[in-house]
Amino acid sequence: MEANLKAKSIADYRIHERDTGSADVQIALLTQRINRLTEHLQQNQKDHGSRRGLIVMVGKRRRLLDYLNRTNHDRYVAITKRLKLRK
């Protein structure tokens, strides 16, 4: 089931037909994982290993968003609106 969600996210956020690793796709996949892990941590508050992994993922997504903002601001605005990351 997780593979289907990942494939769907890649298909939704890719820039061209064979795109699997652009910043947009990576941000979408990280957001998906962050949301799932956040739900897990609400149930398992003492899982500090997973909490550290979440912090690492959030930092990686932040760096990717900063990169996208520097290189292509229009794509940055589009992806943040689409993923509802900024208000």
Protein backbone atom coordinates (compact mmCIF):
# COMPACT_ATOMS: atom_id res chain seq x y z
CA MET A 1 0.00 0.00 0.00
CA GLU A 2 2.82 2.42 0.82
CA ALA A 3 4.38 1.81 -2.61
CA ASN A 4 1.11 2.89 -4.24
CA LEU A 5 1.08 6.14 -2.25
CA LYS A 6 4.70 6.81 -3.15
CA ALA A 7 4.10 6.12 -6.86
CA LYS A 8 1.03 8.36 -6.82
CA SER A 9 2.97 11.19 -5.17
CA ILE A 10 5.77 10.87 -7.71
CA ALA A 11 3.24 10.95 -10.56
CA ASP A 12 1.47 13.98 -9.07
CA TYR A 13 4.55 16.11 -8.42
CA ARG A 14 6.97 15.19 -11.20
CA ILE A 15 8.12 17.84 -13.63
CA HIS A 16 8.58 15.60 -16.66
CA GLU A 17 7.73 12.04 -17.65
CA ARG A 18 10.77 10.27 -16.16
CA ASP A 19 11.23 12.54 -13.13
CA THR A 20 11.66 10.70 -9.83
CA GLY A 21 14.13 12.87 -7.94
CA SER A 22 13.45 16.55 -8.52
CA ALA A 23 13.17 18.81 -5.49
CA ASP A 24 9.38 18.92 -5.91
CA VAL A 25 9.08 15.13 -5.75
CA GLN A 26 11.49 14.88 -2.81
CA ILE A 27 9.57 17.55 -0.87
CA ALA A 28 6.25 15.80 -1.53
CA LEU A 29 7.60 12.41 -0.40
CA LEU A 30 9.21 13.89 2.71
CA THR A 31 5.97 15.68 3.58
CA GLN A 32 4.08 12.41 3.26
CA ARG A 33 6.55 10.64 5.56
CA ILE A 34 6.58 13.55 8.04
CA ASN A 35 2.78 13.51 8.29
CA ARG A 36 2.72 9.74 8.88
CA LEU A 37 5.47 9.93 11.49
CA THR A 38 3.74 12.83 13.27
CA GLU A 39 0.62 10.69 13.66
CA HIS A 40 2.77 7.84 15.00
CA LEU A 41 4.44 10.11 17.56
CA GLN A 42 1.09 11.37 18.83
CA GLN A 43 0.31 7.76 19.77
CA ASN A 44 3.85 6.83 20.93
CA GLN A 45 5.22 9.83 22.77
CA LYS A 46 8.26 8.03 24.19
CA ASP A 47 9.60 6.93 20.81
CA HIS A 48 12.62 9.23 20.81
CA GLY A 49 14.38 7.45 17.95
CA SER A 50 11.50 8.18 15.61
CA ARG A 51 11.30 11.73 16.94
CA ARG A 52 14.93 12.29 15.97
CA GLY A 53 14.22 10.86 12.52
CA LEU A 54 11.33 13.30 12.19
CA ILE A 55 13.56 16.24 13.06
CA VAL A 56 16.12 15.12 10.46
CA MET A 57 13.40 14.82 7.80
CA VAL A 58 11.97 18.25 8.62
CA GLY A 59 15.47 19.75 8.29
CA LYS A 60 16.03 18.06 4.94
CA ARG A 61 12.67 19.29 3.64
CA ARG A 62 13.52 22.82 4.86
CA ARG A 63 16.83 22.75 2.96
CA LEU A 64 15.11 21.51 -0.20
CA LEU A 65 12.49 24.25 0.09
CA ASP A 66 15.23 26.87 0.58
CA TYR A 67 17.01 25.57 -2.51
CA LEU A 68 13.81 25.68 -4.56
CA ASN A 69 13.08 29.20 -3.31
CA ARG A 70 16.54 30.36 -4.42
CA THR A 71 16.52 28.67 -7.83
CA ASN A 72 12.86 28.81 -8.94
CA HIS A 73 10.57 30.91 -6.78
CA ASP A 74 7.44 30.13 -8.83
CA ARG A 75 7.84 26.37 -8.25
CA TYR A 76 8.48 27.06 -4.56
CA VAL A 77 5.24 29.01 -4.23
CA ALA A 78 3.33 26.35 -6.15
CA ILE A 79 4.60 23.41 -4.06
CA THR A 80 4.06 25.17 -0.73
CA LYS A 81 0.48 26.02 -1.69
CA ARG A 82 -0.19 22.53 -3.01
CA LEU A 83 1.17 20.82 0.11
CA LYS A 84 -0.29 23.50 2.41
CA LEU A 85 3.09 24.15 4.07
CA ARG A 86 2.78 27.95 4.29
CA LYS A 87 -0.20 30.17 4.94
